[in-house]
Structures are given as C-alpha cells and as structure tokens.
Amino acid sequence: MRKILPALVVVIIVVIAIFVLSQFRVQGLDVGARAPGFTLNTLDDEPVNLSDLHGQVVMLNFWSAACPPCREEMPAMQQVYDALKSEGFTILAVNVNDIPQVAHRFLRENGYTFPVVKDDGNVSRVYEVRFIPKTLIIDRKGTIRHVRVGTITEEELMAIVRSWL
C-alpha cells in the first residue's frame, strides 16, 4: 500500500493539473465560434489583417514548404482559389517554420498566387496549430465553419467552400 500511495497521489495531481490547464484553452477555435483576429505580414512585409477579409469566405491554412502533406494539397488550393476567388473566396496561407526566402522560392517555383503571410509564432499558438497542414474555413461574417488537420482534396475543398459562398 505504501508503494501505491505515492503513485496514486501523482496521478491525482496530474488529473487535476490537466483539468485546470484545460480551462485556460484559447476559445474561438470550435466550429460555430468567431475566428480570432490577427495581423501578419506577407513574405514581402505587407500587413494583412484577418478582419480586412470580412465579407469573403476565407480558407486559413497553416503550412510549411518542408511539410510533404502541405505541398501535396497546394495544387488543390490553387485550383479552388482560381475557380472561386471571383465569387468571394480567398485563401490566407500562414507559413510556419520556414525562412521567408525558402517559402517565397517554393511559391514562385510552383506558381501559387494566393495570399501568404508569415506566422509570428503567436497566431499558430492562438489557433492551436500542433500539426500541419491545418485548415479552417471562415464564413463571410468571421465564423469558423470547418476545421481540418491533414490534407484536403480539391473536391472536398470545393464542396466545403461552395456551401458557404
């Protein structure tokens, strides 16, 4: 019993700590919640504020050029962007972990034209980015309508975006 008691105390402390820390979770990331606002700079150092995109359906995508699944979904993102940008759809691709020159070269070499900003470390924290790619679809009023971790196909993205246009 004396050997079990310390282990039991540790387990109880860990459970309590998890519960208490979960109360500090940044809210606003669940489907139906308002997307947290932010301002980040493009790779060319131009500021972009999420609130400036109000009135459009926004695909917020966290990615890195060093991430194979991210690179895999980029052609689908470009296809949907090209097809729907005139209907009020845009992409804001948030680059994480890349040196700006590496991200810029990757985008240029592959002909990607959707808007890209550089994460400051805070936005990915607020949006609880643990794995990439992470995609959120935000409706015209700023409400999160879809959250996905992992790749998305052109067909899936097209269907999701069209449902909010």
Protein backbone atom coordinates (compact mmCIF):
# COMPACT_ATOMS: atom_id res chain seq x y z
CA MET A 1 0.00 0.00 0.00
CA ARG A 2 2.86 2.40 0.81
CA LYS A 3 4.28 1.93 -2.74
CA ILE A 4 0.91 2.58 -4.39
CA LEU A 5 0.06 5.70 -2.40
CA PRO A 6 2.77 7.97 -3.93
CA ALA A 7 1.82 6.84 -7.45
CA LEU A 8 -1.84 7.47 -6.70
CA VAL A 9 -1.05 10.98 -5.41
CA VAL A 10 0.93 11.74 -8.60
CA VAL A 11 -1.95 10.52 -10.79
CA ILE A 12 -4.44 12.67 -8.90
CA ILE A 13 -2.19 15.74 -9.19
CA VAL A 14 -1.75 15.18 -12.95
CA VAL A 15 -5.52 14.79 -13.48
CA ILE A 16 -6.21 17.99 -11.53
CA ALA A 17 -3.47 19.85 -13.44
CA ILE A 18 -4.90 18.73 -16.80
CA PHE A 19 -8.36 19.89 -15.76
CA VAL A 20 -7.12 23.27 -14.52
CA LEU A 21 -4.91 23.89 -17.56
CA SER A 22 -7.73 22.96 -19.94
CA GLN A 23 -9.70 25.88 -18.54
CA PHE A 24 -7.04 28.23 -19.97
CA ARG A 25 -7.50 26.93 -23.52
CA VAL A 26 -7.85 29.73 -26.06
CA GLN A 27 -11.50 29.82 -27.04
CA GLY A 28 -12.78 30.56 -30.51
CA LEU A 29 -11.46 27.56 -32.39
CA ASP A 30 -14.55 25.42 -32.42
CA VAL A 31 -16.89 25.29 -35.39
CA GLY A 32 -19.50 27.99 -34.88
CA ALA A 33 -17.19 30.30 -32.93
CA ARG A 34 -15.80 33.63 -34.10
CA ALA A 35 -12.32 33.37 -35.65
CA PRO A 36 -9.70 35.18 -33.53
CA GLY A 37 -8.38 38.26 -35.29
CA PHE A 38 -4.75 38.90 -36.15
CA THR A 39 -2.42 40.90 -38.36
CA LEU A 40 0.55 39.24 -40.05
CA ASN A 41 2.94 40.37 -42.75
CA THR A 42 3.17 38.89 -46.21
CA LEU A 43 6.51 37.49 -47.32
CA ASP A 44 7.04 40.96 -48.86
CA ASP A 45 6.39 42.64 -45.47
CA GLU A 46 2.92 44.00 -46.28
CA PRO A 47 0.47 43.75 -43.34
CA VAL A 48 -2.68 41.65 -43.73
CA ASN A 49 -5.41 41.77 -41.12
CA LEU A 50 -7.92 38.91 -40.98
CA SER A 51 -10.69 41.43 -40.34
CA ASP A 52 -9.90 43.07 -43.70
CA LEU A 53 -11.18 39.86 -45.32
CA HIS A 54 -14.59 40.19 -43.66
CA GLY A 55 -17.26 39.62 -46.30
CA GLN A 56 -15.31 36.84 -48.01
CA VAL A 57 -15.16 33.12 -47.32
CA VAL A 58 -11.59 32.54 -46.11
CA MET A 59 -9.53 29.38 -46.12
CA LEU A 60 -6.99 29.88 -43.34
CA ASN A 61 -4.26 27.31 -43.96
CA PHE A 62 -1.18 26.73 -41.78
CA TRP A 63 1.65 25.19 -43.80
CA SER A 64 5.38 24.84 -44.41
CA ALA A 65 7.39 24.18 -47.56
CA ALA A 66 9.19 21.44 -45.61
CA CYS A 67 5.89 19.60 -44.98
CA PRO A 68 5.11 16.93 -47.62
CA PRO A 69 1.34 16.85 -46.90
CA CYS A 70 1.28 20.65 -47.15
CA ARG A 71 2.99 20.55 -50.54
CA GLU A 72 0.57 17.81 -51.62
CA GLU A 73 -2.55 19.91 -51.04
CA MET A 74 -1.24 23.18 -52.50
CA PRO A 75 -2.25 22.44 -56.14
CA ALA A 76 -5.83 21.78 -54.98
CA MET A 77 -5.82 25.03 -53.03
CA GLN A 78 -4.65 26.95 -56.10
CA GLN A 79 -7.33 25.33 -58.30
CA VAL A 80 -10.13 26.23 -55.89
CA TYR A 81 -8.72 29.73 -55.40
CA ASP A 82 -8.63 30.32 -59.15
CA ALA A 83 -12.15 28.94 -59.61
CA LEU A 84 -13.87 30.77 -56.74
CA LYS A 85 -11.96 34.00 -55.99
CA SER A 86 -14.36 35.98 -58.17
CA GLU A 87 -17.26 34.67 -56.07
CA GLY A 88 -15.92 36.00 -52.76
CA PHE A 89 -13.45 33.28 -51.73
CA THR A 90 -9.86 33.82 -50.69
CA ILE A 91 -7.05 31.89 -49.10
CA LEU A 92 -4.77 33.16 -46.38
CA ALA A 93 -1.90 30.69 -46.17
CA VAL A 94 0.05 31.13 -42.93
CA ASN A 95 3.62 29.93 -43.37
CA VAL A 96 5.12 28.42 -40.25
CA ASN A 97 8.74 27.44 -39.62
CA ASP A 98 10.19 28.44 -43.00
CA ILE A 99 12.78 31.08 -43.70
CA PRO A 100 10.83 33.62 -45.79
CA GLN A 101 13.17 33.20 -48.77
CA VAL A 102 12.54 29.44 -48.81
CA ALA A 103 8.77 29.90 -48.71
CA HIS A 104 8.93 32.64 -51.37
CA ARG A 105 11.00 30.45 -53.70
CA PHE A 106 8.68 27.46 -53.19
CA LEU A 107 5.60 29.55 -54.03
CA ARG A 108 7.21 31.18 -57.05
CA GLU A 109 8.58 27.90 -58.48
CA ASN A 110 5.14 26.29 -58.23
CA GLY A 111 3.10 29.26 -59.48
CA TYR A 112 0.97 29.71 -56.35
CA THR A 113 -0.75 33.08 -56.34
CA PHE A 114 -2.98 33.05 -53.26
CA PRO A 115 -2.06 35.37 -50.37
CA VAL A 116 0.64 34.11 -47.99
CA VAL A 117 1.66 35.54 -44.64
CA LYS A 118 4.46 34.63 -42.24
CA ASP A 119 3.45 33.36 -38.80
CA ASP A 120 4.83 35.33 -35.88
CA GLY A 121 4.51 32.32 -33.55
CA ASN A 122 1.54 33.84 -31.78
CA VAL A 123 -1.12 33.18 -34.43
CA SER A 124 -0.29 29.47 -34.68
CA ARG A 125 -0.48 29.32 -30.87
CA VAL A 126 -3.86 31.08 -30.78
CA TYR A 127 -5.17 28.74 -33.48
CA GLU A 128 -3.72 25.74 -31.59
CA VAL A 129 -1.63 24.53 -34.51
CA ARG A 130 0.05 21.33 -33.33
CA PHE A 131 0.28 19.61 -36.72
CA ILE A 132 0.28 20.93 -40.26
CA PRO A 133 -1.39 21.33 -42.58
CA LYS A 134 -4.24 22.77 -40.55
CA THR A 135 -7.15 24.36 -42.40
CA LEU A 136 -10.04 26.45 -41.16
CA ILE A 137 -12.88 27.70 -43.33
CA ILE A 138 -14.24 31.03 -42.08
CA ASP A 139 -17.54 32.34 -43.41
CA ARG A 140 -18.28 35.87 -44.63
CA LYS A 141 -19.17 37.01 -41.10
CA GLY A 142 -15.99 35.67 -39.47
CA THR A 143 -17.41 32.45 -38.04
CA ILE A 144 -15.39 29.24 -38.19
CA ARG A 145 -17.34 26.72 -40.28
CA HIS A 146 -14.83 23.91 -40.81
CA VAL A 147 -11.61 22.74 -39.14
CA ARG A 148 -9.30 20.07 -40.51
CA VAL A 149 -5.84 18.81 -39.65
CA GLY A 150 -4.28 16.99 -42.59
CA THR A 151 -4.58 17.27 -46.34
CA ILE A 152 -7.71 18.24 -48.19
CA THR A 153 -8.56 17.32 -51.77
CA GLU A 154 -9.73 19.74 -54.42
CA GLU A 155 -13.18 18.13 -54.46
CA GLU A 156 -13.57 18.32 -50.68
CA LEU A 157 -12.38 21.92 -50.52
CA MET A 158 -14.60 22.96 -53.43
CA ALA A 159 -17.68 21.42 -51.79
CA ILE A 160 -16.97 22.97 -48.37
CA VAL A 161 -16.28 26.43 -49.78
CA ARG A 162 -19.29 26.40 -52.12
CA SER A 163 -21.56 25.59 -49.18
CA TRP A 164 -20.53 28.93 -47.56
CA LEU A 165 -20.40 31.19 -50.62
